[in-house]
């Protein structure tokens, strides 16, 4: 079902976030129904307030505009644009990740949020964009739903520290997560097919990345690694990591050459100085002998 692991395997922070996520009640919905309903009540890839009410009623979501649910209202406001309309794609990614379906069904629907032409293939840049959306929603938005309760010995400060630790690692997680979904697609190929994308989620660990909990767990395990970043940069045709690598080597190399040159110049100067001193001394002796002869 695209599960990221049993509740007992989760950290205290994750259990609190999952508890908050479930209040939205997307987990009571089928992924296909979530996708269908959001697309039905949308126009030009946007959802206005009236259409949003229809979606909430149809799916029986928890999104009441009351003081008690202020955190929920504030959370959904994060998905609105400047004109007060919701971005369809971002709500689709949110709903599909939180809803209840088999991994391949969820993967297909997530893929389709970027396959606007229904070509059954998306560019690697689009895939990376999908991964960025998934990480942003999982790490930066969903934890905001957390409310401190007596049932969980977790304070707002504890949660803030946990989210901060994830935020510091989320950029490091983008490339390795995207590489998981690229799977068997060759580096020379510019697109990832739906078939290859679905093949990747047959792996249990990759399937976990279809859920916010799985993504946050994946992010928490990341360590700074230039090699991983450059790998995906190469796949995208953007050699960002390699120039940085070369630049990091340049200072030490230039510094060594400069020091060698400086030493050589210093040696040459000393040699010249000695020669000059020797010449000057010789002239003094000649002058002295000449004066003695004349005397």
C-alpha atoms as a PDB file:
ATOM      1  CA  UNK A   1       0.000   0.000   0.000  1.00  0.00           C
ATOM      2  CA  UNK A   2       3.006   2.288  -0.346  1.00  0.00           C
ATOM      3  CA  UNK A   3       3.618   1.974   3.392  1.00  0.00           C
ATOM      4  CA  UNK A   4       6.797   3.437   4.840  1.00  0.00           C
ATOM      5  CA  UNK A   5       6.873   1.031   7.772  1.00  0.00           C
ATOM      6  CA  UNK A   6       4.797   0.156  10.810  1.00  0.00           C
ATOM      7  CA  UNK A   7       4.062   2.806  13.425  1.00  0.00           C
ATOM      8  CA  UNK A   8       6.258   0.977  15.944  1.00  0.00           C
ATOM      9  CA  UNK A   9       9.284   1.430  13.665  1.00  0.00           C
ATOM     10  CA  UNK A  10       8.843   5.200  13.469  1.00  0.00           C
ATOM     11  CA  UNK A  11      10.628   7.784  15.590  1.00  0.00           C
ATOM     12  CA  UNK A  12       8.554   9.749  18.141  1.00  0.00           C
ATOM     13  CA  UNK A  13       8.712  12.788  15.843  1.00  0.00           C
ATOM     14  CA  UNK A  14       7.440  10.787  12.873  1.00  0.00           C
ATOM     15  CA  UNK A  15       4.588   9.273  14.848  1.00  0.00           C
ATOM     16  CA  UNK A  16       3.460  12.777  15.805  1.00  0.00           C
ATOM     17  CA  UNK A  17       3.606  14.027  12.206  1.00  0.00           C
ATOM     18  CA  UNK A  18       1.767  10.971  10.853  1.00  0.00           C
ATOM     19  CA  UNK A  19      -0.912  11.482  13.485  1.00  0.00           C
ATOM     20  CA  UNK A  20      -1.308  15.094  12.303  1.00  0.00           C
ATOM     21  CA  UNK A  21      -1.349  14.038   8.626  1.00  0.00           C
ATOM     22  CA  UNK A  22      -4.150  11.557   9.261  1.00  0.00           C
ATOM     23  CA  UNK A  23      -6.367  14.342  10.614  1.00  0.00           C
ATOM     24  CA  UNK A  24      -6.651  15.594   7.012  1.00  0.00           C
ATOM     25  CA  UNK A  25      -8.288  12.221   6.178  1.00  0.00           C
ATOM     26  CA  UNK A  26      -6.593  11.745   2.825  1.00  0.00           C
ATOM     27  CA  UNK A  27      -5.582   8.342   4.200  1.00  0.00           C
ATOM     28  CA  UNK A  28      -9.256   7.335   4.022  1.00  0.00           C
ATOM     29  CA  UNK A  29      -9.306   7.993   0.270  1.00  0.00           C
ATOM     30  CA  UNK A  30      -8.304   5.927  -2.739  1.00  0.00           C
ATOM     31  CA  UNK A  31      -5.487   7.572  -4.731  1.00  0.00           C
ATOM     32  CA  UNK A  32      -7.408   7.343  -7.990  1.00  0.00           C
ATOM     33  CA  UNK A  33     -10.408   9.095  -6.437  1.00  0.00           C
ATOM     34  CA  UNK A  34      -8.186  11.861  -5.061  1.00  0.00           C
ATOM     35  CA  UNK A  35      -6.670  12.422  -8.504  1.00  0.00           C
ATOM     36  CA  UNK A  36     -10.021  12.291 -10.309  1.00  0.00           C
ATOM     37  CA  UNK A  37     -11.781  14.645  -7.886  1.00  0.00           C
ATOM     38  CA  UNK A  38      -9.064  17.314  -7.891  1.00  0.00           C
ATOM     39  CA  UNK A  39      -8.883  17.305 -11.683  1.00  0.00           C
ATOM     40  CA  UNK A  40     -12.666  17.409 -12.025  1.00  0.00           C
ATOM     41  CA  UNK A  41     -13.024  20.493  -9.835  1.00  0.00           C
ATOM     42  CA  UNK A  42     -10.217  22.519 -11.392  1.00  0.00           C
ATOM     43  CA  UNK A  43      -9.667  24.789 -14.366  1.00  0.00           C
ATOM     44  CA  UNK A  44      -6.420  25.886 -16.023  1.00  0.00           C
ATOM     45  CA  UNK A  45      -4.431  23.903 -13.450  1.00  0.00           C
ATOM     46  CA  UNK A  46      -5.907  25.952 -10.610  1.00  0.00           C
ATOM     47  CA  UNK A  47      -8.590  25.392  -7.985  1.00  0.00           C
ATOM     48  CA  UNK A  48     -10.654  28.330  -6.747  1.00  0.00           C
ATOM     49  CA  UNK A  49     -12.244  28.467  -3.249  1.00  0.00           C
ATOM     50  CA  UNK A  50     -15.631  27.196  -4.513  1.00  0.00           C
ATOM     51  CA  UNK A  51     -14.038  24.263  -6.314  1.00  0.00           C
ATOM     52  CA  UNK A  52     -11.985  23.510  -3.210  1.00  0.00           C
ATOM     53  CA  UNK A  53     -15.154  23.269  -1.125  1.00  0.00           C
ATOM     54  CA  UNK A  54     -16.529  20.746  -3.615  1.00  0.00           C
ATOM     55  CA  UNK A  55     -13.349  18.670  -3.314  1.00  0.00           C
ATOM     56  CA  UNK A  56     -13.437  18.782   0.493  1.00  0.00           C
ATOM     57  CA  UNK A  57     -17.083  17.684   0.575  1.00  0.00           C
ATOM     58  CA  UNK A  58     -16.657  14.943  -2.039  1.00  0.00           C
ATOM     59  CA  UNK A  59     -13.586  13.404  -0.399  1.00  0.00           C
ATOM     60  CA  UNK A  60     -14.740  14.172   3.144  1.00  0.00           C
ATOM     61  CA  UNK A  61     -11.488  15.955   3.927  1.00  0.00           C
ATOM     62  CA  UNK A  62     -10.787  17.833   7.132  1.00  0.00           C
ATOM     63  CA  UNK A  63     -10.280  21.425   6.035  1.00  0.00           C
ATOM     64  CA  UNK A  64     -12.810  23.401   8.087  1.00  0.00           C
ATOM     65  CA  UNK A  65     -12.243  27.107   8.439  1.00  0.00           C
ATOM     66  CA  UNK A  66     -12.629  27.249  12.215  1.00  0.00           C
ATOM     67  CA  UNK A  67     -10.428  28.463  15.047  1.00  0.00           C
ATOM     68  CA  UNK A  68      -9.926  24.884  16.214  1.00  0.00           C
ATOM     69  CA  UNK A  69      -8.532  23.914  12.839  1.00  0.00           C
ATOM     70  CA  UNK A  70      -6.471  27.052  12.252  1.00  0.00           C
ATOM     71  CA  UNK A  71      -3.324  24.989  11.675  1.00  0.00           C
ATOM     72  CA  UNK A  72      -5.118  23.016   8.961  1.00  0.00           C
ATOM     73  CA  UNK A  73      -6.361  26.193   7.269  1.00  0.00           C
ATOM     74  CA  UNK A  74      -2.883  27.746   7.472  1.00  0.00           C
ATOM     75  CA  UNK A  75      -1.424  24.540   6.048  1.00  0.00           C
ATOM     76  CA  UNK A  76      -3.656  24.526   2.972  1.00  0.00           C
ATOM     77  CA  UNK A  77      -3.001  28.235   2.442  1.00  0.00           C
ATOM     78  CA  UNK A  78       0.604  27.243   1.688  1.00  0.00           C
ATOM     79  CA  UNK A  79      -0.708  25.696  -1.546  1.00  0.00           C
ATOM     80  CA  UNK A  80      -2.309  28.924  -2.768  1.00  0.00           C
ATOM     81  CA  UNK A  81      -0.911  31.336  -5.305  1.00  0.00           C
ATOM     82  CA  UNK A  82      -0.999  35.169  -5.129  1.00  0.00           C
ATOM     83  CA  UNK A  83      -4.587  35.279  -6.424  1.00  0.00           C
ATOM     84  CA  UNK A  84      -5.894  33.012  -3.682  1.00  0.00           C
ATOM     85  CA  UNK A  85      -6.244  29.956  -5.917  1.00  0.00           C
ATOM     86  CA  UNK A  86      -4.730  26.546  -5.177  1.00  0.00           C
ATOM     87  CA  UNK A  87      -2.085  25.020  -7.440  1.00  0.00           C
ATOM     88  CA  UNK A  88      -3.610  21.813  -8.813  1.00  0.00           C
ATOM     89  CA  UNK A  89      -0.319  19.961  -9.226  1.00  0.00           C
ATOM     90  CA  UNK A  90       0.836  20.555  -5.652  1.00  0.00           C
ATOM     91  CA  UNK A  91      -2.490  19.451  -4.174  1.00  0.00           C
ATOM     92  CA  UNK A  92      -2.377  16.341  -6.361  1.00  0.00           C
ATOM     93  CA  UNK A  93       1.100  15.446  -5.093  1.00  0.00           C
ATOM     94  CA  UNK A  94      -0.026  15.999  -1.496  1.00  0.00           C
ATOM     95  CA  UNK A  95      -3.212  13.961  -1.857  1.00  0.00           C
ATOM     96  CA  UNK A  96      -1.649  11.072  -3.771  1.00  0.00           C
ATOM     97  CA  UNK A  97       1.214  10.686  -1.289  1.00  0.00           C
ATOM     98  CA  UNK A  98      -1.173  10.659   1.697  1.00  0.00           C
ATOM     99  CA  UNK A  99      -3.922   8.543   0.122  1.00  0.00           C
ATOM    100  CA  UNK A 100      -4.388   4.791   0.231  1.00  0.00           C
ATOM    101  CA  UNK A 101      -3.447   2.699  -2.837  1.00  0.00           C
ATOM    102  CA  UNK A 102      -0.912   0.209  -4.137  1.00  0.00           C
ATOM    103  CA  UNK A 103       2.571   1.563  -4.847  1.00  0.00           C
ATOM    104  CA  UNK A 104       2.335   1.291  -8.641  1.00  0.00           C
ATOM    105  CA  UNK A 105      -0.990   3.136  -8.703  1.00  0.00           C
ATOM    106  CA  UNK A 106       0.418   5.961  -6.604  1.00  0.00           C
ATOM    107  CA  UNK A 107       3.581   6.050  -8.726  1.00  0.00           C
ATOM    108  CA  UNK A 108       1.575   6.253 -11.953  1.00  0.00           C
ATOM    109  CA  UNK A 109      -0.571   9.119 -10.659  1.00  0.00           C
ATOM    110  CA  UNK A 110       2.446  11.041  -9.372  1.00  0.00           C
ATOM    111  CA  UNK A 111       4.183  10.564 -12.733  1.00  0.00           C
ATOM    112  CA  UNK A 112       1.103  11.943 -14.501  1.00  0.00           C
ATOM    113  CA  UNK A 113       1.287  15.206 -12.546  1.00  0.00           C
ATOM    114  CA  UNK A 114       4.287  15.976 -14.781  1.00  0.00           C
ATOM    115  CA  UNK A 115       3.178  14.173 -17.954  1.00  0.00           C
ATOM    116  CA  UNK A 116       0.948  16.958 -19.253  1.00  0.00           C
ATOM    117  CA  UNK A 117       0.779  15.558 -22.795  1.00  0.00           C
ATOM    118  CA  UNK A 118       0.036  11.986 -21.696  1.00  0.00           C
ATOM    119  CA  UNK A 119       3.107  10.862 -23.648  1.00  0.00           C
ATOM    120  CA  UNK A 120       4.012   8.210 -21.044  1.00  0.00           C
ATOM    121  CA  UNK A 121       7.436   9.844 -20.705  1.00  0.00           C
ATOM    122  CA  UNK A 122       8.826  12.892 -18.921  1.00  0.00           C
ATOM    123  CA  UNK A 123      12.189  14.633 -19.090  1.00  0.00           C
ATOM    124  CA  UNK A 124      14.701  14.062 -16.328  1.00  0.00           C
ATOM    125  CA  UNK A 125      14.304  17.726 -15.455  1.00  0.00           C
ATOM    126  CA  UNK A 126      10.563  17.166 -14.924  1.00  0.00           C
ATOM    127  CA  UNK A 127      11.306  14.112 -12.799  1.00  0.00           C
ATOM    128  CA  UNK A 128      13.665  16.164 -10.664  1.00  0.00           C
ATOM    129  CA  UNK A 129      10.900  18.778 -10.325  1.00  0.00           C
ATOM    130  CA  UNK A 130       8.492  16.087  -9.103  1.00  0.00           C
ATOM    131  CA  UNK A 131      11.029  14.943  -6.516  1.00  0.00           C
ATOM    132  CA  UNK A 132      11.479  18.538  -5.349  1.00  0.00           C
ATOM    133  CA  UNK A 133       7.698  18.907  -4.912  1.00  0.00           C
ATOM    134  CA  UNK A 134       7.501  15.670  -2.925  1.00  0.00           C
ATOM    135  CA  UNK A 135      10.371  16.635  -0.620  1.00  0.00           C
ATOM    136  CA  UNK A 136       9.136  20.194  -0.115  1.00  0.00           C
ATOM    137  CA  UNK A 137       5.647  19.026   0.896  1.00  0.00           C
ATOM    138  CA  UNK A 138       6.944  16.216   3.122  1.00  0.00           C
ATOM    139  CA  UNK A 139       9.696  18.136   4.905  1.00  0.00           C
ATOM    140  CA  UNK A 140       8.690  21.798   4.911  1.00  0.00           C
ATOM    141  CA  UNK A 141       4.882  21.760   4.919  1.00  0.00           C
ATOM    142  CA  UNK A 142       3.307  18.686   6.511  1.00  0.00           C
ATOM    143  CA  UNK A 143       5.196  18.970   9.844  1.00  0.00           C
ATOM    144  CA  UNK A 144       3.446  22.325  10.370  1.00  0.00           C
ATOM    145  CA  UNK A 145       0.280  20.384  11.172  1.00  0.00           C
ATOM    146  CA  UNK A 146       1.818  19.135  14.416  1.00  0.00           C
ATOM    147  CA  UNK A 147      -0.071  20.133  17.549  1.00  0.00           C
ATOM    148  CA  UNK A 148       1.328  19.387  20.992  1.00  0.00           C
ATOM    149  CA  UNK A 149      -0.946  16.996  22.898  1.00  0.00           C
ATOM    150  CA  UNK A 150      -0.734  15.023  26.174  1.00  0.00           C
ATOM    151  CA  UNK A 151      -0.816  11.784  24.152  1.00  0.00           C
ATOM    152  CA  UNK A 152       2.662  12.447  22.780  1.00  0.00           C
ATOM    153  CA  UNK A 153       5.594  13.597  24.889  1.00  0.00           C
ATOM    154  CA  UNK A 154       6.740  15.911  22.135  1.00  0.00           C
ATOM    155  CA  UNK A 155       7.004  19.689  22.455  1.00  0.00           C
ATOM    156  CA  UNK A 156       6.849  22.324  19.730  1.00  0.00           C
ATOM    157  CA  UNK A 157      10.560  22.934  20.334  1.00  0.00           C
ATOM    158  CA  UNK A 158      11.366  19.227  19.885  1.00  0.00           C
ATOM    159  CA  UNK A 159       9.509  19.237  16.577  1.00  0.00           C
ATOM    160  CA  UNK A 160      11.184  22.456  15.472  1.00  0.00           C
ATOM    161  CA  UNK A 161      14.624  20.896  16.006  1.00  0.00           C
ATOM    162  CA  UNK A 162      13.628  17.752  14.105  1.00  0.00           C
ATOM    163  CA  UNK A 163      12.308  19.725  11.139  1.00  0.00           C
ATOM    164  CA  UNK A 164      15.407  21.936  11.144  1.00  0.00           C
ATOM    165  CA  UNK A 165      17.643  18.856  10.944  1.00  0.00           C
ATOM    166  CA  UNK A 166      15.650  17.629   7.923  1.00  0.00           C
ATOM    167  CA  UNK A 167      15.671  21.045   6.272  1.00  0.00           C
ATOM    168  CA  UNK A 168      19.465  21.127   6.412  1.00  0.00           C
ATOM    169  CA  UNK A 169      19.623  17.802   4.545  1.00  0.00           C
ATOM    170  CA  UNK A 170      16.729  18.056   2.093  1.00  0.00           C
ATOM    171  CA  UNK A 171      18.780  19.498  -0.778  1.00  0.00           C
ATOM    172  CA  UNK A 172      21.275  16.646  -0.395  1.00  0.00           C
ATOM    173  CA  UNK A 173      18.424  14.136  -0.752  1.00  0.00           C
ATOM    174  CA  UNK A 174      17.078  15.400  -4.092  1.00  0.00           C
ATOM    175  CA  UNK A 175      19.629  13.816  -6.421  1.00  0.00           C
ATOM    176  CA  UNK A 176      19.803  10.369  -4.763  1.00  0.00           C
ATOM    177  CA  UNK A 177      16.005  10.227  -4.572  1.00  0.00           C
ATOM    178  CA  UNK A 178      15.683  11.186  -8.238  1.00  0.00           C
ATOM    179  CA  UNK A 179      18.274   8.539  -9.119  1.00  0.00           C
ATOM    180  CA  UNK A 180      16.089   5.921  -7.411  1.00  0.00           C
ATOM    181  CA  UNK A 181      13.218   6.780  -9.737  1.00  0.00           C
ATOM    182  CA  UNK A 182      15.417   6.923 -12.841  1.00  0.00           C
ATOM    183  CA  UNK A 183      16.244   3.272 -12.321  1.00  0.00           C
ATOM    184  CA  UNK A 184      17.315   1.488 -15.501  1.00  0.00           C
ATOM    185  CA  UNK A 185      16.985   4.570 -17.691  1.00  0.00           C
ATOM    186  CA  UNK A 186      20.319   5.150 -19.447  1.00  0.00           C
ATOM    187  CA  UNK A 187      22.330   8.275 -18.668  1.00  0.00           C
ATOM    188  CA  UNK A 188      22.331   9.137 -22.388  1.00  0.00           C
ATOM    189  CA  UNK A 189      18.522   9.184 -22.527  1.00  0.00           C
ATOM    190  CA  UNK A 190      16.838  12.535 -21.936  1.00  0.00           C
ATOM    191  CA  UNK A 191      13.508  11.126 -20.757  1.00  0.00           C
ATOM    192  CA  UNK A 192      12.202   8.599 -18.247  1.00  0.00           C
ATOM    193  CA  UNK A 193       9.359   6.376 -19.442  1.00  0.00           C
ATOM    194  CA  UNK A 194       6.337   5.559 -17.312  1.00  0.00           C
ATOM    195  CA  UNK A 195       7.191   1.859 -17.655  1.00  0.00           C
ATOM    196  CA  UNK A 196      10.696   2.350 -16.231  1.00  0.00           C
ATOM    197  CA  UNK A 197       9.363   4.625 -13.497  1.00  0.00           C
ATOM    198  CA  UNK A 198       6.850   1.993 -12.381  1.00  0.00           C
ATOM    199  CA  UNK A 199       9.567  -0.653 -12.477  1.00  0.00           C
ATOM    200  CA  UNK A 200      11.573   1.248  -9.860  1.00  0.00           C
ATOM    201  CA  UNK A 201       8.836   1.019  -7.201  1.00  0.00           C
ATOM    202  CA  UNK A 202       8.965  -2.777  -7.300  1.00  0.00           C
ATOM    203  CA  UNK A 203      11.908  -2.212  -4.985  1.00  0.00           C
ATOM    204  CA  UNK A 204      10.554  -1.930  -1.425  1.00  0.00           C
ATOM    205  CA  UNK A 205      12.908   0.876  -0.401  1.00  0.00           C
ATOM    206  CA  UNK A 206      12.029   2.971  -3.456  1.00  0.00           C
ATOM    207  CA  UNK A 207       8.308   2.355  -2.904  1.00  0.00           C
ATOM    208  CA  UNK A 208       8.669   3.930   0.548  1.00  0.00           C
ATOM    209  CA  UNK A 209       9.583   7.189  -1.189  1.00  0.00           C
ATOM    210  CA  UNK A 210       5.976   7.508  -2.379  1.00  0.00           C
ATOM    211  CA  UNK A 211       4.955   8.507   1.157  1.00  0.00           C
ATOM    212  CA  UNK A 212       5.870  11.590   3.227  1.00  0.00           C
ATOM    213  CA  UNK A 213       7.106   9.408   6.098  1.00  0.00           C
ATOM    214  CA  UNK A 214       9.343   7.417   3.754  1.00  0.00           C
ATOM    215  CA  UNK A 215      10.710  10.633   2.270  1.00  0.00           C
ATOM    216  CA  UNK A 216      11.476  12.226   5.639  1.00  0.00           C
ATOM    217  CA  UNK A 217      13.196   9.029   6.783  1.00  0.00           C
ATOM    218  CA  UNK A 218      15.240   8.995   3.560  1.00  0.00           C
ATOM    219  CA  UNK A 219      16.203  12.658   4.009  1.00  0.00           C
ATOM    220  CA  UNK A 220      17.272  12.068   7.618  1.00  0.00           C
ATOM    221  CA  UNK A 221      19.791   9.439   6.472  1.00  0.00           C
ATOM    222  CA  UNK A 222      21.557  11.705   3.988  1.00  0.00           C
ATOM    223  CA  UNK A 223      25.128  12.865   4.414  1.00  0.00           C
ATOM    224  CA  UNK A 224      26.890  15.549   2.354  1.00  0.00           C
ATOM    225  CA  UNK A 225      28.196  13.860  -0.794  1.00  0.00           C
ATOM    226  CA  UNK A 226      29.510  15.706  -3.841  1.00  0.00           C
ATOM    227  CA  UNK A 227      29.690  12.433  -5.816  1.00  0.00           C
ATOM    228  CA  UNK A 228      25.934  11.814  -5.604  1.00  0.00           C
ATOM    229  CA  UNK A 229      25.127  15.368  -6.618  1.00  0.00           C
ATOM    230  CA  UNK A 230      27.410  15.289  -9.651  1.00  0.00           C
ATOM    231  CA  UNK A 231      25.897  11.990 -10.795  1.00  0.00           C
ATOM    232  CA  UNK A 232      22.440  13.445 -11.260  1.00  0.00           C
ATOM    233  CA  UNK A 233      23.846  16.723 -12.540  1.00  0.00           C
ATOM    234  CA  UNK A 234      25.455  14.666 -15.309  1.00  0.00           C
ATOM    235  CA  UNK A 235      22.176  12.919 -16.106  1.00  0.00           C
ATOM    236  CA  UNK A 236      20.472  16.288 -16.459  1.00  0.00           C
ATOM    237  CA  UNK A 237      23.274  17.576 -18.632  1.00  0.00           C
ATOM    238  CA  UNK A 238      24.129  20.138 -15.965  1.00  0.00           C
ATOM    239  CA  UNK A 239      27.709  19.652 -14.853  1.00  0.00           C
ATOM    240  CA  UNK A 240      27.424  21.712 -11.717  1.00  0.00           C
ATOM    241  CA  UNK A 241      29.362  19.541  -9.307  1.00  0.00           C
ATOM    242  CA  UNK A 242      32.358  18.938 -11.555  1.00  0.00           C
ATOM    243  CA  UNK A 243      33.361  22.615 -12.053  1.00  0.00           C
ATOM    244  CA  UNK A 244      33.108  23.085  -8.304  1.00  0.00           C
ATOM    245  CA  UNK A 245      35.416  20.107  -7.916  1.00  0.00           C
ATOM    246  CA  UNK A 246      37.942  21.593 -10.309  1.00  0.00           C
ATOM    247  CA  UNK A 247      37.732  24.972  -8.611  1.00  0.00           C
ATOM    248  CA  UNK A 248      38.441  23.374  -5.249  1.00  0.00           C
ATOM    249  CA  UNK A 249      41.630  21.879  -6.657  1.00  0.00           C
ATOM    250  CA  UNK A 250      42.764  25.047  -8.437  1.00  0.00           C
ATOM    251  CA  UNK A 251      43.680  27.133  -5.370  1.00  0.00           C
ATOM    252  CA  UNK A 252      46.114  24.512  -4.035  1.00  0.00           C
ATOM    253  CA  UNK A 253      47.646  23.989  -7.467  1.00  0.00           C
ATOM    254  CA  UNK A 254      47.982  27.709  -8.201  1.00  0.00           C
ATOM    255  CA  UNK A 255      49.292  28.292  -4.712  1.00  0.00           C
ATOM    256  CA  UNK A 256      52.012  25.671  -5.221  1.00  0.00           C
ATOM    257  CA  UNK A 257      53.049  27.125  -8.575  1.00  0.00           C
ATOM    258  CA  UNK A 258      53.057  30.635  -7.157  1.00  0.00           C
ATOM    259  CA  UNK A 259      55.233  29.599  -4.237  1.00  0.00           C
ATOM    260  CA  UNK A 260      57.675  27.841  -6.556  1.00  0.00           C
ATOM    261  CA  UNK A 261      57.845  30.897  -8.800  1.00  0.00           C
ATOM    262  CA  UNK A 262      58.308  33.174  -5.833  1.00  0.00           C
ATOM    263  CA  UNK A 263      61.115  31.001  -4.492  1.00  0.00           C
ATOM    264  CA  UNK A 264      62.798  31.010  -7.893  1.00  0.00           C
ATOM    265  CA  UNK A 265      62.572  34.798  -8.147  1.00  0.00           C
ATOM    266  CA  UNK A 266      63.949  35.149  -4.621  1.00  0.00           C
ATOM    267  CA  UNK A 267      66.851  32.840  -5.471  1.00  0.00           C
ATOM    268  CA  UNK A 268      67.527  34.793  -8.676  1.00  0.00           C
ATOM    269  CA  UNK A 269      67.430  38.078  -6.753  1.00  0.00           C
ATOM    270  CA  UNK A 270      69.880  36.806  -4.141  1.00  0.00           C
ATOM    271  CA  UNK A 271      72.210  35.528  -6.850  1.00  0.00           C
ATOM    272  CA  UNK A 272      72.061  38.886  -8.610  1.00  0.00           C
ATOM    273  CA  UNK A 273      72.617  40.697  -5.315  1.00  0.00           C
ATOM    274  CA  UNK A 274      75.670  38.560  -4.527  1.00  0.00           C
ATOM    275  CA  UNK A 275      77.066  39.148  -7.999  1.00  0.00           C
ATOM    276  CA  UNK A 276      76.496  42.855  -7.628  1.00  0.00           C
ATOM    277  CA  UNK A 277      78.133  42.871  -4.200  1.00  0.00           C
ATOM    278  CA  UNK A 278      81.074  40.883  -5.512  1.00  0.00           C
ATOM    279  CA  UNK A 279      81.493  43.238  -8.450  1.00  0.00           C
ATOM    280  CA  UNK A 280      81.309  46.264  -6.191  1.00  0.00           C
ATOM    281  CA  UNK A 281      83.913  44.799  -3.855  1.00  0.00           C
ATOM    282  CA  UNK A 282      86.261  44.071  -6.768  1.00  0.00           C
ATOM    283  CA  UNK A 283      85.988  47.672  -8.007  1.00  0.00           C
ATOM    284  CA  UNK A 284      86.826  48.973  -4.535  1.00  0.00           C
ATOM    285  CA  UNK A 285      90.005  46.855  -4.403  1.00  0.00           C
ATOM    286  CA  UNK A 286      91.129  48.024  -7.859  1.00  0.00           C
ATOM    287  CA  UNK A 287      90.557  51.652  -6.899  1.00  0.00           C
ATOM    288  CA  UNK A 288      92.518  51.212  -3.672  1.00  0.00           C
ATOM    289  CA  UNK A 289      95.497  49.595  -5.485  1.00  0.00           C
ATOM    290  CA  UNK A 290      95.537  52.408  -8.041  1.00  0.00           C
ATOM    291  CA  UNK A 291      95.706  55.037  -5.287  1.00  0.00           C
ATOM    292  CA  UNK A 292      98.602  53.190  -3.602  1.00  0.00           C
ATOM    293  CA  UNK A 293     100.555  53.046  -6.896  1.00  0.00           C
ATOM    294  CA  UNK A 294     100.080  56.768  -7.514  1.00  0.00           C
ATOM    295  CA  UNK A 295     101.247  57.521  -3.994  1.00  0.00           C
END
